[in-house]
């Protein structure tokens, strides 16, 4: 069974239920941690509406916050979430603002992971 992530009623991602539940749980964790709304509405009848403007603010707040962390364990946790988030951002038309330090250090790695995932993120 699939769940649909939509922008203005148009599907942008159609993951399986377990993938979707875990992804949305991560969204809620980072949303609470950053105290920034994610733009992801509730999952109702297997559909989740995305507000692109709020999603863009959330994504960029997460990128900025992550750029100021330094733990290797934290890096692996965050990058594992950032990759599908960035792939979805590509589908939604959301522009990431890469922090200057991140652009030189971790962004290429995360971009590579996101590019791989983008091929499997089906609308």
PDB file of N, CA and C in Angstrom:
ATOM      1  N   UNK A   1       0.847  -1.180   0.000  1.00  0.00           N
ATOM      2  CA  UNK A   1       0.000   0.000   0.000  1.00  0.00           C
ATOM      3  C   UNK A   1       0.888   1.238   0.000  1.00  0.00           C
ATOM      4  N   UNK A   2       0.520   2.229  -0.799  1.00  0.00           N
ATOM      5  CA  UNK A   2       1.292   3.456  -0.934  1.00  0.00           C
ATOM      6  C   UNK A   2       0.601   4.621  -0.248  1.00  0.00           C
ATOM      7  N   UNK A   3       1.401   5.634  -0.001  1.00  0.00           N
ATOM      8  CA  UNK A   3       0.872   6.891   0.495  1.00  0.00           C
ATOM      9  C   UNK A   3       1.366   7.982  -0.442  1.00  0.00           C
ATOM     10  N   UNK A   4       0.594   9.030  -0.562  1.00  0.00           N
ATOM     11  CA  UNK A   4       0.888  10.080  -1.529  1.00  0.00           C
ATOM     12  C   UNK A   4       1.225  11.389  -0.837  1.00  0.00           C
ATOM     13  N   UNK A   5       2.313  12.001  -1.288  1.00  0.00           N
ATOM     14  CA  UNK A   5       2.684  13.345  -0.870  1.00  0.00           C
ATOM     15  C   UNK A   5       2.355  14.243  -2.053  1.00  0.00           C
ATOM     16  N   UNK A   6       1.592  15.301  -1.789  1.00  0.00           N
ATOM     17  CA  UNK A   6       1.057  16.122  -2.869  1.00  0.00           C
ATOM     18  C   UNK A   6       1.296  17.603  -2.621  1.00  0.00           C
ATOM     19  N   UNK A   7       1.408  18.329  -3.729  1.00  0.00           N
ATOM     20  CA  UNK A   7       1.449  19.789  -3.704  1.00  0.00           C
ATOM     21  C   UNK A   7       0.280  20.258  -4.561  1.00  0.00           C
ATOM     22  N   UNK A   8      -0.616  20.998  -3.951  1.00  0.00           N
ATOM     23  CA  UNK A   8      -1.809  21.500  -4.643  1.00  0.00           C
ATOM     24  C   UNK A   8      -2.556  20.365  -5.338  1.00  0.00           C
ATOM     25  N   UNK A   9      -2.652  19.223  -4.670  1.00  0.00           N
ATOM     26  CA  UNK A   9      -3.391  18.086  -5.201  1.00  0.00           C
ATOM     27  C   UNK A   9      -2.655  17.241  -6.224  1.00  0.00           C
ATOM     28  N   UNK A  10      -1.427  17.624  -6.590  1.00  0.00           N
ATOM     29  CA  UNK A  10      -0.633  16.861  -7.556  1.00  0.00           C
ATOM     30  C   UNK A  10       0.404  16.012  -6.816  1.00  0.00           C
ATOM     31  N   UNK A  11       0.445  14.714  -7.097  1.00  0.00           N
ATOM     32  CA  UNK A  11       1.409  13.859  -6.401  1.00  0.00           C
ATOM     33  C   UNK A  11       2.857  14.167  -6.799  1.00  0.00           C
ATOM     34  N   UNK A  12       3.727  14.210  -5.776  1.00  0.00           N
ATOM     35  CA  UNK A  12       5.155  14.415  -6.005  1.00  0.00           C
ATOM     36  C   UNK A  12       5.979  13.233  -5.503  1.00  0.00           C
ATOM     37  N   UNK A  13       5.352  12.381  -4.692  1.00  0.00           N
ATOM     38  CA  UNK A  13       6.056  11.202  -4.170  1.00  0.00           C
ATOM     39  C   UNK A  13       5.014  10.186  -3.737  1.00  0.00           C
ATOM     40  N   UNK A  14       5.323   8.915  -3.978  1.00  0.00           N
ATOM     41  CA  UNK A  14       4.385   7.845  -3.680  1.00  0.00           C
ATOM     42  C   UNK A  14       5.135   6.668  -3.044  1.00  0.00           C
ATOM     43  N   UNK A  15       5.631   6.844  -1.806  1.00  0.00           N
ATOM     44  CA  UNK A  15       6.371   5.757  -1.163  1.00  0.00           C
ATOM     45  C   UNK A  15       5.436   4.708  -0.571  1.00  0.00           C
ATOM     46  N   UNK A  16       6.014   3.568  -0.243  1.00  0.00           N
ATOM     47  CA  UNK A  16       5.269   2.553   0.482  1.00  0.00           C
ATOM     48  C   UNK A  16       4.931   3.054   1.878  1.00  0.00           C
ATOM     49  N   UNK A  17       4.001   2.381   2.507  1.00  0.00           N
ATOM     50  CA  UNK A  17       3.483   2.837   3.801  1.00  0.00           C
ATOM     51  C   UNK A  17       4.568   2.882   4.882  1.00  0.00           C
ATOM     52  N   UNK A  18       5.402   1.848   4.983  1.00  0.00           N
ATOM     53  CA  UNK A  18       6.439   1.858   6.030  1.00  0.00           C
ATOM     54  C   UNK A  18       7.449   2.964   5.800  1.00  0.00           C
ATOM     55  N   UNK A  19       7.869   3.151   4.558  1.00  0.00           N
ATOM     56  CA  UNK A  19       8.805   4.229   4.235  1.00  0.00           C
ATOM     57  C   UNK A  19       8.195   5.570   4.588  1.00  0.00           C
ATOM     58  N   UNK A  20       6.951   5.752   4.208  1.00  0.00           N
ATOM     59  CA  UNK A  20       6.259   7.002   4.463  1.00  0.00           C
ATOM     60  C   UNK A  20       6.128   7.277   5.958  1.00  0.00           C
ATOM     61  N   UNK A  21       5.743   6.274   6.720  1.00  0.00           N
ATOM     62  CA  UNK A  21       5.566   6.461   8.163  1.00  0.00           C
ATOM     63  C   UNK A  21       6.878   6.845   8.833  1.00  0.00           C
ATOM     64  N   UNK A  22       7.955   6.180   8.462  1.00  0.00           N
ATOM     65  CA  UNK A  22       9.255   6.499   9.051  1.00  0.00           C
ATOM     66  C   UNK A  22       9.719   7.891   8.628  1.00  0.00           C
ATOM     67  N   UNK A  23       9.573   8.212   7.346  1.00  0.00           N
ATOM     68  CA  UNK A  23       9.963   9.528   6.851  1.00  0.00           C
ATOM     69  C   UNK A  23       9.202  10.628   7.581  1.00  0.00           C
ATOM     70  N   UNK A  24       7.888  10.484   7.676  1.00  0.00           N
ATOM     71  CA  UNK A  24       7.074  11.513   8.325  1.00  0.00           C
ATOM     72  C   UNK A  24       7.383  11.617   9.820  1.00  0.00           C
ATOM     73  N   UNK A  25       7.744  10.504  10.439  1.00  0.00           N
ATOM     74  CA  UNK A  25       8.157  10.552  11.844  1.00  0.00           C
ATOM     75  C   UNK A  25       9.441  11.381  11.994  1.00  0.00           C
ATOM     76  N   UNK A  26      10.385  11.192  11.075  1.00  0.00           N
ATOM     77  CA  UNK A  26      11.612  11.999  11.089  1.00  0.00           C
ATOM     78  C   UNK A  26      11.281  13.472  10.866  1.00  0.00           C
ATOM     79  N   UNK A  27      10.379  13.758   9.937  1.00  0.00           N
ATOM     80  CA  UNK A  27       9.968  15.144   9.698  1.00  0.00           C
ATOM     81  C   UNK A  27       9.488  15.758  11.017  1.00  0.00           C
ATOM     82  N   UNK A  28       8.644  15.040  11.738  1.00  0.00           N
ATOM     83  CA  UNK A  28       8.084  15.572  12.984  1.00  0.00           C
ATOM     84  C   UNK A  28       9.163  15.771  14.054  1.00  0.00           C
ATOM     85  N   UNK A  29      10.149  14.882  14.103  1.00  0.00           N
ATOM     86  CA  UNK A  29      11.247  15.014  15.072  1.00  0.00           C
ATOM     87  C   UNK A  29      12.035  16.290  14.798  1.00  0.00           C
ATOM     88  N   UNK A  30      12.436  16.493  13.546  1.00  0.00           N
ATOM     89  CA  UNK A  30      13.232  17.680  13.218  1.00  0.00           C
ATOM     90  C   UNK A  30      12.395  18.956  13.288  1.00  0.00           C
ATOM     91  N   UNK A  31      11.125  18.851  12.972  1.00  0.00           N
ATOM     92  CA  UNK A  31      10.223  19.984  13.093  1.00  0.00           C
ATOM     93  C   UNK A  31      10.185  20.455  14.549  1.00  0.00           C
ATOM     94  N   UNK A  32      10.057  19.528  15.474  1.00  0.00           N
ATOM     95  CA  UNK A  32      10.031  19.865  16.899  1.00  0.00           C
ATOM     96  C   UNK A  32      11.393  20.367  17.366  1.00  0.00           C
ATOM     97  N   UNK A  33      12.469  19.720  16.915  1.00  0.00           N
ATOM     98  CA  UNK A  33      13.811  20.104  17.336  1.00  0.00           C
ATOM     99  C   UNK A  33      14.157  21.518  16.883  1.00  0.00           C
ATOM    100  N   UNK A  34      13.791  21.843  15.653  1.00  0.00           N
ATOM    101  CA  UNK A  34      14.122  23.159  15.100  1.00  0.00           C
ATOM    102  C   UNK A  34      13.091  24.228  15.463  1.00  0.00           C
ATOM    103  N   UNK A  35      11.909  23.793  15.927  1.00  0.00           N
ATOM    104  CA  UNK A  35      10.788  24.699  16.200  1.00  0.00           C
ATOM    105  C   UNK A  35      10.432  25.501  14.948  1.00  0.00           C
ATOM    106  N   UNK A  36      10.438  24.785  13.819  1.00  0.00           N
ATOM    107  CA  UNK A  36      10.094  25.372  12.523  1.00  0.00           C
ATOM    108  C   UNK A  36       9.082  24.447  11.861  1.00  0.00           C
ATOM    109  N   UNK A  37       7.937  24.969  11.401  1.00  0.00           N
ATOM    110  CA  UNK A  37       6.970  24.111  10.717  1.00  0.00           C
ATOM    111  C   UNK A  37       7.580  23.533   9.443  1.00  0.00           C
ATOM    112  N   UNK A  38       7.290  22.270   9.174  1.00  0.00           N
ATOM    113  CA  UNK A  38       7.900  21.573   8.044  1.00  0.00           C
ATOM    114  C   UNK A  38       7.190  21.800   6.717  1.00  0.00           C
ATOM    115  N   UNK A  39       5.928  22.155   6.774  1.00  0.00           N
ATOM    116  CA  UNK A  39       5.145  22.260   5.556  1.00  0.00           C
ATOM    117  C   UNK A  39       4.452  20.961   5.192  1.00  0.00           C
ATOM    118  N   UNK A  40       4.722  19.889   5.934  1.00  0.00           N
ATOM    119  CA  UNK A  40       4.066  18.603   5.707  1.00  0.00           C
ATOM    120  C   UNK A  40       2.837  18.531   6.603  1.00  0.00           C
ATOM    121  N   UNK A  41       1.678  18.405   5.968  1.00  0.00           N
ATOM    122  CA  UNK A  41       0.452  18.278   6.732  1.00  0.00           C
ATOM    123  C   UNK A  41       0.319  16.882   7.301  1.00  0.00           C
ATOM    124  N   UNK A  42      -0.812  16.590   7.917  1.00  0.00           N
ATOM    125  CA  UNK A  42      -1.040  15.244   8.446  1.00  0.00           C
ATOM    126  C   UNK A  42      -1.300  14.263   7.308  1.00  0.00           C
ATOM    127  N   UNK A  43      -1.061  12.996   7.570  1.00  0.00           N
ATOM    128  CA  UNK A  43      -1.375  11.944   6.607  1.00  0.00           C
ATOM    129  C   UNK A  43      -2.842  11.581   6.818  1.00  0.00           C
ATOM    130  N   UNK A  44      -3.686  11.955   5.868  1.00  0.00           N
ATOM    131  CA  UNK A  44      -5.122  11.689   5.951  1.00  0.00           C
ATOM    132  C   UNK A  44      -5.544  10.907   4.712  1.00  0.00           C
ATOM    133  N   UNK A  45      -6.153   9.761   4.935  1.00  0.00           N
ATOM    134  CA  UNK A  45      -6.598   8.910   3.824  1.00  0.00           C
ATOM    135  C   UNK A  45      -5.451   8.643   2.851  1.00  0.00           C
ATOM    136  N   UNK A  46      -4.277   8.367   3.407  1.00  0.00           N
ATOM    137  CA  UNK A  46      -3.069   8.052   2.634  1.00  0.00           C
ATOM    138  C   UNK A  46      -2.583   9.208   1.763  1.00  0.00           C
ATOM    139  N   UNK A  47      -2.891  10.439   2.160  1.00  0.00           N
ATOM    140  CA  UNK A  47      -2.423  11.617   1.437  1.00  0.00           C
ATOM    141  C   UNK A  47      -1.888  12.656   2.425  1.00  0.00           C
ATOM    142  N   UNK A  48      -0.755  13.241   2.049  1.00  0.00           N
ATOM    143  CA  UNK A  48      -0.129  14.294   2.855  1.00  0.00           C
ATOM    144  C   UNK A  48       0.127  15.484   1.937  1.00  0.00           C
ATOM    145  N   UNK A  49      -0.467  16.613   2.280  1.00  0.00           N
ATOM    146  CA  UNK A  49      -0.266  17.833   1.499  1.00  0.00           C
ATOM    147  C   UNK A  49       1.014  18.528   1.975  1.00  0.00           C
ATOM    148  N   UNK A  50       1.755  19.061   1.017  1.00  0.00           N
ATOM    149  CA  UNK A  50       2.995  19.781   1.318  1.00  0.00           C
ATOM    150  C   UNK A  50       2.818  21.236   0.926  1.00  0.00           C
ATOM    151  N   UNK A  51       3.131  22.124   1.849  1.00  0.00           N
ATOM    152  CA  UNK A  51       3.168  23.564   1.570  1.00  0.00           C
ATOM    153  C   UNK A  51       4.608  23.880   1.154  1.00  0.00           C
ATOM    154  N   UNK A  52       4.847  24.167  -0.133  1.00  0.00           N
ATOM    155  CA  UNK A  52       6.223  24.373  -0.614  1.00  0.00           C
ATOM    156  C   UNK A  52       6.976  25.494   0.104  1.00  0.00           C
ATOM    157  N   UNK A  53       6.300  26.588   0.431  1.00  0.00           N
ATOM    158  CA  UNK A  53       6.984  27.703   1.097  1.00  0.00           C
ATOM    159  C   UNK A  53       7.467  27.309   2.488  1.00  0.00           C
ATOM    160  N   UNK A  54       6.593  26.655   3.255  1.00  0.00           N
ATOM    161  CA  UNK A  54       6.987  26.207   4.596  1.00  0.00           C
ATOM    162  C   UNK A  54       8.053  25.124   4.503  1.00  0.00           C
ATOM    163  N   UNK A  55       7.921  24.232   3.520  1.00  0.00           N
ATOM    164  CA  UNK A  55       8.913  23.173   3.315  1.00  0.00           C
ATOM    165  C   UNK A  55      10.287  23.779   3.036  1.00  0.00           C
ATOM    166  N   UNK A  56      10.331  24.819   2.204  1.00  0.00           N
ATOM    167  CA  UNK A  56      11.601  25.468   1.881  1.00  0.00           C
ATOM    168  C   UNK A  56      12.240  26.077   3.133  1.00  0.00           C
ATOM    169  N   UNK A  57      11.441  26.740   3.950  1.00  0.00           N
ATOM    170  CA  UNK A  57      11.965  27.317   5.199  1.00  0.00           C
ATOM    171  C   UNK A  57      12.495  26.221   6.120  1.00  0.00           C
ATOM    172  N   UNK A  58      11.746  25.131   6.225  1.00  0.00           N
ATOM    173  CA  UNK A  58      12.148  24.000   7.062  1.00  0.00           C
ATOM    174  C   UNK A  58      13.460  23.396   6.569  1.00  0.00           C
ATOM    175  N   UNK A  59      13.535  23.120   5.279  1.00  0.00           N
ATOM    176  CA  UNK A  59      14.740  22.531   4.701  1.00  0.00           C
ATOM    177  C   UNK A  59      15.948  23.418   4.958  1.00  0.00           C
ATOM    178  N   UNK A  60      15.810  24.704   4.727  1.00  0.00           N
ATOM    179  CA  UNK A  60      16.949  25.603   4.904  1.00  0.00           C
ATOM    180  C   UNK A  60      17.310  25.815   6.368  1.00  0.00           C
ATOM    181  N   UNK A  61      16.332  25.768   7.250  1.00  0.00           N
ATOM    182  CA  UNK A  61      16.638  25.817   8.685  1.00  0.00           C
ATOM    183  C   UNK A  61      17.416  24.568   9.091  1.00  0.00           C
ATOM    184  N   UNK A  62      17.031  23.420   8.554  1.00  0.00           N
ATOM    185  CA  UNK A  62      17.727  22.166   8.856  1.00  0.00           C
ATOM    186  C   UNK A  62      19.153  22.195   8.313  1.00  0.00           C
ATOM    187  N   UNK A  63      19.336  22.670   7.087  1.00  0.00           N
ATOM    188  CA  UNK A  63      20.680  22.763   6.511  1.00  0.00           C
ATOM    189  C   UNK A  63      21.564  23.697   7.336  1.00  0.00           C
ATOM    190  N   UNK A  64      21.026  24.826   7.742  1.00  0.00           N
ATOM    191  CA  UNK A  64      21.787  25.784   8.540  1.00  0.00           C
ATOM    192  C   UNK A  64      22.137  25.209   9.909  1.00  0.00           C
ATOM    193  N   UNK A  65      21.168  24.573  10.553  1.00  0.00           N
ATOM    194  CA  UNK A  65      21.423  23.964  11.860  1.00  0.00           C
ATOM    195  C   UNK A  65      22.490  22.876  11.727  1.00  0.00           C
ATOM    196  N   UNK A  66      22.327  22.015  10.732  1.00  0.00           N
ATOM    197  CA  UNK A  66      23.269  20.913  10.550  1.00  0.00           C
ATOM    198  C   UNK A  66      24.686  21.418  10.289  1.00  0.00           C
ATOM    199  N   UNK A  67      24.805  22.516   9.593  1.00  0.00           N
ATOM    200  CA  UNK A  67      26.117  23.077   9.280  1.00  0.00           C
ATOM    201  C   UNK A  67      26.882  23.479  10.535  1.00  0.00           C
ATOM    202  N   UNK A  68      26.183  23.680  11.644  1.00  0.00           N
ATOM    203  CA  UNK A  68      26.828  24.099  12.893  1.00  0.00           C
ATOM    204  C   UNK A  68      27.035  22.953  13.874  1.00  0.00           C
ATOM    205  N   UNK A  69      26.808  21.723  13.436  1.00  0.00           N
ATOM    206  CA  UNK A  69      27.031  20.571  14.303  1.00  0.00           C
ATOM    207  C   UNK A  69      28.397  19.983  14.001  1.00  0.00           C
ATOM    208  N   UNK A  70      28.866  19.084  14.846  1.00  0.00           N
ATOM    209  CA  UNK A  70      30.191  18.540  14.612  1.00  0.00           C
ATOM    210  C   UNK A  70      30.355  17.074  14.941  1.00  0.00           C
ATOM    211  N   UNK A  71      29.327  16.425  15.378  1.00  0.00           N
ATOM    212  CA  UNK A  71      29.417  15.033  15.790  1.00  0.00           C
ATOM    213  C   UNK A  71      29.295  14.092  14.594  1.00  0.00           C
ATOM    214  N   UNK A  72      30.165  13.085  14.520  1.00  0.00           N
ATOM    215  CA  UNK A  72      30.086  12.099  13.444  1.00  0.00           C
ATOM    216  C   UNK A  72      28.801  11.281  13.524  1.00  0.00           C
ATOM    217  N   UNK A  73      28.378  10.951  14.717  1.00  0.00           N
ATOM    218  CA  UNK A  73      27.135  10.189  14.876  1.00  0.00           C
ATOM    219  C   UNK A  73      25.960  11.042  14.409  1.00  0.00           C
ATOM    220  N   UNK A  74      25.933  12.302  14.843  1.00  0.00           N
ATOM    221  CA  UNK A  74      24.869  13.200  14.422  1.00  0.00           C
ATOM    222  C   UNK A  74      24.887  13.366  12.902  1.00  0.00           C
ATOM    223  N   UNK A  75      26.066  13.444  12.325  1.00  0.00           N
ATOM    224  CA  UNK A  75      26.183  13.565  10.869  1.00  0.00           C
ATOM    225  C   UNK A  75      25.499  12.414  10.153  1.00  0.00           C
ATOM    226  N   UNK A  76      25.748  11.201  10.600  1.00  0.00           N
ATOM    227  CA  UNK A  76      25.150  10.051   9.926  1.00  0.00           C
ATOM    228  C   UNK A  76      23.634  10.034  10.100  1.00  0.00           C
ATOM    229  N   UNK A  77      23.142  10.474  11.241  1.00  0.00           N
ATOM    230  CA  UNK A  77      21.698  10.538  11.454  1.00  0.00           C
ATOM    231  C   UNK A  77      21.051  11.588  10.560  1.00  0.00           C
ATOM    232  N   UNK A  78      21.626  12.762  10.510  1.00  0.00           N
ATOM    233  CA  UNK A  78      21.040  13.868   9.755  1.00  0.00           C
ATOM    234  C   UNK A  78      21.162  13.635   8.258  1.00  0.00           C
ATOM    235  N   UNK A  79      22.309  13.210   7.787  1.00  0.00           N
ATOM    236  CA  UNK A  79      22.499  13.021   6.355  1.00  0.00           C
ATOM    237  C   UNK A  79      21.588  11.928   5.807  1.00  0.00           C
ATOM    238  N   UNK A  80      21.307  10.929   6.619  1.00  0.00           N
ATOM    239  CA  UNK A  80      20.382   9.880   6.205  1.00  0.00           C
ATOM    240  C   UNK A  80      18.971  10.395   6.000  1.00  0.00           C
ATOM    241  N   UNK A  81      18.608  11.463   6.674  1.00  0.00           N
ATOM    242  CA  UNK A  81      17.310  12.095   6.491  1.00  0.00           C
ATOM    243  C   UNK A  81      17.368  13.172   5.410  1.00  0.00           C
ATOM    244  N   UNK A  82      18.472  13.898   5.337  1.00  0.00           N
ATOM    245  CA  UNK A  82      18.586  14.978   4.359  1.00  0.00           C
ATOM    246  C   UNK A  82      18.502  14.472   2.922  1.00  0.00           C
ATOM    247  N   UNK A  83      19.060  13.313   2.643  1.00  0.00           N
ATOM    248  CA  UNK A  83      19.081  12.821   1.266  1.00  0.00           C
ATOM    249  C   UNK A  83      17.672  12.660   0.687  1.00  0.00           C
ATOM    250  N   UNK A  84      16.774  11.915   1.338  1.00  0.00           N
ATOM    251  CA  UNK A  84      15.417  11.839   0.765  1.00  0.00           C
ATOM    252  C   UNK A  84      14.680  13.174   0.823  1.00  0.00           C
ATOM    253  N   UNK A  85      14.971  13.991   1.824  1.00  0.00           N
ATOM    254  CA  UNK A  85      14.329  15.300   1.916  1.00  0.00           C
ATOM    255  C   UNK A  85      14.728  16.166   0.719  1.00  0.00           C
ATOM    256  N   UNK A  86      16.006  16.130   0.349  1.00  0.00           N
ATOM    257  CA  UNK A  86      16.477  16.905  -0.797  1.00  0.00           C
ATOM    258  C   UNK A  86      15.941  16.356  -2.121  1.00  0.00           C
ATOM    259  N   UNK A  87      15.817  15.039  -2.219  1.00  0.00           N
ATOM    260  CA  UNK A  87      15.231  14.451  -3.423  1.00  0.00           C
ATOM    261  C   UNK A  87      13.782  14.919  -3.567  1.00  0.00           C
ATOM    262  N   UNK A  88      13.060  14.932  -2.481  1.00  0.00           N
ATOM    263  CA  UNK A  88      11.682  15.395  -2.502  1.00  0.00           C
ATOM    264  C   UNK A  88      11.623  16.899  -2.804  1.00  0.00           C
ATOM    265  N   UNK A  89      12.550  17.653  -2.262  1.00  0.00           N
ATOM    266  CA  UNK A  89      12.610  19.098  -2.536  1.00  0.00           C
ATOM    267  C   UNK A  89      12.762  19.345  -4.035  1.00  0.00           C
ATOM    268  N   UNK A  90      13.550  18.531  -4.691  1.00  0.00           N
ATOM    269  CA  UNK A  90      13.724  18.644  -6.143  1.00  0.00           C
ATOM    270  C   UNK A  90      12.383  18.462  -6.853  1.00  0.00           C
ATOM    271  N   UNK A  91      11.615  17.470  -6.409  1.00  0.00           N
ATOM    272  CA  UNK A  91      10.295  17.202  -7.009  1.00  0.00           C
ATOM    273  C   UNK A  91       9.311  18.352  -6.760  1.00  0.00           C
ATOM    274  N   UNK A  92       9.421  18.964  -5.593  1.00  0.00           N
ATOM    275  CA  UNK A  92       8.488  20.016  -5.199  1.00  0.00           C
ATOM    276  C   UNK A  92       8.892  21.367  -5.805  1.00  0.00           C
ATOM    277  N   UNK A  93      10.159  21.516  -6.158  1.00  0.00           N
ATOM    278  CA  UNK A  93      10.650  22.787  -6.675  1.00  0.00           C
ATOM    279  C   UNK A  93      11.161  23.710  -5.596  1.00  0.00           C
ATOM    280  N   UNK A  94      11.581  23.117  -4.477  1.00  0.00           N
ATOM    281  CA  UNK A  94      12.113  23.870  -3.348  1.00  0.00           C
ATOM    282  C   UNK A  94      13.620  24.015  -3.521  1.00  0.00           C
ATOM    283  N   UNK A  95      14.129  25.222  -3.296  1.00  0.00           N
ATOM    284  CA  UNK A  95      15.553  25.512  -3.466  1.00  0.00           C
ATOM    285  C   UNK A  95      16.308  25.462  -2.138  1.00  0.00           C
ATOM    286  N   UNK A  96      17.242  24.538  -2.011  1.00  0.00           N
ATOM    287  CA  UNK A  96      18.075  24.547  -0.797  1.00  0.00           C
ATOM    288  C   UNK A  96      19.077  25.701  -0.843  1.00  0.00           C
ATOM    289  N   UNK A  97      19.290  26.320   0.307  1.00  0.00           N
ATOM    290  CA  UNK A  97      20.333  27.342   0.448  1.00  0.00           C
ATOM    291  C   UNK A  97      21.465  26.687   1.234  1.00  0.00           C
ATOM    292  N   UNK A  98      22.500  26.307   0.526  1.00  0.00           N
ATOM    293  CA  UNK A  98      23.612  25.595   1.148  1.00  0.00           C
ATOM    294  C   UNK A  98      24.494  26.555   1.919  1.00  0.00           C
ATOM    295  N   UNK A  99      24.728  26.285   3.199  1.00  0.00           N
ATOM    296  CA  UNK A  99      25.653  27.119   3.967  1.00  0.00           C
ATOM    297  C   UNK A  99      27.055  27.039   3.348  1.00  0.00           C
ATOM    298  N   UNK A 100      27.797  28.127   3.461  1.00  0.00           N
ATOM    299  CA  UNK A 100      29.121  28.203   2.823  1.00  0.00           C
ATOM    300  C   UNK A 100      30.053  27.078   3.257  1.00  0.00           C
ATOM    301  N   UNK A 101      30.133  26.824   4.556  1.00  0.00           N
ATOM    302  CA  UNK A 101      31.017  25.759   5.032  1.00  0.00           C
ATOM    303  C   UNK A 101      30.535  24.403   4.528  1.00  0.00           C
ATOM    304  N   UNK A 102      29.241  24.180   4.596  1.00  0.00           N
ATOM    305  CA  UNK A 102      28.665  22.927   4.136  1.00  0.00           C
ATOM    306  C   UNK A 102      28.907  22.688   2.665  1.00  0.00           C
ATOM    307  N   UNK A 103      28.893  23.757   1.883  1.00  0.00           N
ATOM    308  CA  UNK A 103      29.137  23.672   0.447  1.00  0.00           C
ATOM    309  C   UNK A 103      30.509  23.051   0.172  1.00  0.00           C
ATOM    310  N   UNK A 104      31.472  23.316   1.050  1.00  0.00           N
ATOM    311  CA  UNK A 104      32.826  22.795   0.868  1.00  0.00           C
ATOM    312  C   UNK A 104      33.031  21.429   1.505  1.00  0.00           C
ATOM    313  N   UNK A 105      32.212  21.072   2.478  1.00  0.00           N
ATOM    314  CA  UNK A 105      32.497  19.860   3.246  1.00  0.00           C
ATOM    315  C   UNK A 105      31.477  18.751   3.016  1.00  0.00           C
ATOM    316  N   UNK A 106      30.299  18.842   3.563  1.00  0.00           N
ATOM    317  CA  UNK A 106      29.351  17.737   3.546  1.00  0.00           C
ATOM    318  C   UNK A 106      28.326  17.794   2.416  1.00  0.00           C
ATOM    319  N   UNK A 107      28.090  18.951   1.806  1.00  0.00           N
ATOM    320  CA  UNK A 107      27.059  19.076   0.767  1.00  0.00           C
ATOM    321  C   UNK A 107      27.277  18.151  -0.430  1.00  0.00           C
ATOM    322  N   UNK A 108      28.502  18.012  -0.936  1.00  0.00           N
ATOM    323  CA  UNK A 108      28.685  17.105  -2.083  1.00  0.00           C
ATOM    324  C   UNK A 108      28.264  15.665  -1.771  1.00  0.00           C
ATOM    325  N   UNK A 109      28.547  15.216  -0.575  1.00  0.00           N
ATOM    326  CA  UNK A 109      28.180  13.859  -0.172  1.00  0.00           C
ATOM    327  C   UNK A 109      26.661  13.694  -0.119  1.00  0.00           C
ATOM    328  N   UNK A 110      25.986  14.674   0.479  1.00  0.00           N
ATOM    329  CA  UNK A 110      24.532  14.613   0.614  1.00  0.00           C
ATOM    330  C   UNK A 110      23.868  14.778  -0.755  1.00  0.00           C
ATOM    331  N   UNK A 111      24.408  15.653  -1.593  1.00  0.00           N
ATOM    332  CA  UNK A 111      23.869  15.816  -2.950  1.00  0.00           C
ATOM    333  C   UNK A 111      23.954  14.503  -3.728  1.00  0.00           C
ATOM    334  N   UNK A 112      25.060  13.800  -3.566  1.00  0.00           N
ATOM    335  CA  UNK A 112      25.218  12.512  -4.247  1.00  0.00           C
ATOM    336  C   UNK A 112      24.176  11.502  -3.804  1.00  0.00           C
ATOM    337  N   UNK A 113      23.948  11.420  -2.500  1.00  0.00           N
ATOM    338  CA  UNK A 113      22.926  10.514  -1.975  1.00  0.00           C
ATOM    339  C   UNK A 113      21.540  10.911  -2.489  1.00  0.00           C
ATOM    340  N   UNK A 114      21.253  12.192  -2.493  1.00  0.00           N
ATOM    341  CA  UNK A 114      19.954  12.678  -2.959  1.00  0.00           C
ATOM    342  C   UNK A 114      19.761  12.370  -4.438  1.00  0.00           C
ATOM    343  N   UNK A 115      20.808  12.518  -5.237  1.00  0.00           N
ATOM    344  CA  UNK A 115      20.704  12.229  -6.680  1.00  0.00           C
ATOM    345  C   UNK A 115      20.388  10.751  -6.910  1.00  0.00           C
ATOM    346  N   UNK A 116      21.016   9.886  -6.132  1.00  0.00           N
ATOM    347  CA  UNK A 116      20.715   8.452  -6.242  1.00  0.00           C
ATOM    348  C   UNK A 116      19.255   8.175  -5.880  1.00  0.00           C
ATOM    349  N   UNK A 117      18.789   8.791  -4.816  1.00  0.00           N
ATOM    350  CA  UNK A 117      17.409   8.575  -4.362  1.00  0.00           C
ATOM    351  C   UNK A 117      16.392   9.181  -5.327  1.00  0.00           C
ATOM    352  N   UNK A 118      16.743  10.279  -5.961  1.00  0.00           N
ATOM    353  CA  UNK A 118      15.805  10.951  -6.860  1.00  0.00           C
ATOM    354  C   UNK A 118      15.322  10.012  -7.961  1.00  0.00           C
ATOM    355  N   UNK A 119      16.191   9.109  -8.386  1.00  0.00           N
ATOM    356  CA  UNK A 119      15.804   8.142  -9.411  1.00  0.00           C
ATOM    357  C   UNK A 119      14.730   7.189  -8.915  1.00  0.00           C
ATOM    358  N   UNK A 120      14.639   7.002  -7.592  1.00  0.00           N
ATOM    359  CA  UNK A 120      13.643   6.069  -7.058  1.00  0.00           C
ATOM    360  C   UNK A 120      12.443   6.763  -6.423  1.00  0.00           C
ATOM    361  N   UNK A 121      12.458   8.084  -6.344  1.00  0.00           N
ATOM    362  CA  UNK A 121      11.335   8.831  -5.776  1.00  0.00           C
ATOM    363  C   UNK A 121      10.316   9.037  -6.885  1.00  0.00           C
ATOM    364  N   UNK A 122       9.280   8.228  -6.873  1.00  0.00           N
ATOM    365  CA  UNK A 122       8.282   8.307  -7.939  1.00  0.00           C
ATOM    366  C   UNK A 122       7.102   9.163  -7.529  1.00  0.00           C
ATOM    367  N   UNK A 123       6.615   9.956  -8.473  1.00  0.00           N
ATOM    368  CA  UNK A 123       5.423  10.767  -8.174  1.00  0.00           C
ATOM    369  C   UNK A 123       4.158   9.920  -8.202  1.00  0.00           C
TER     370      UNK A 123
END
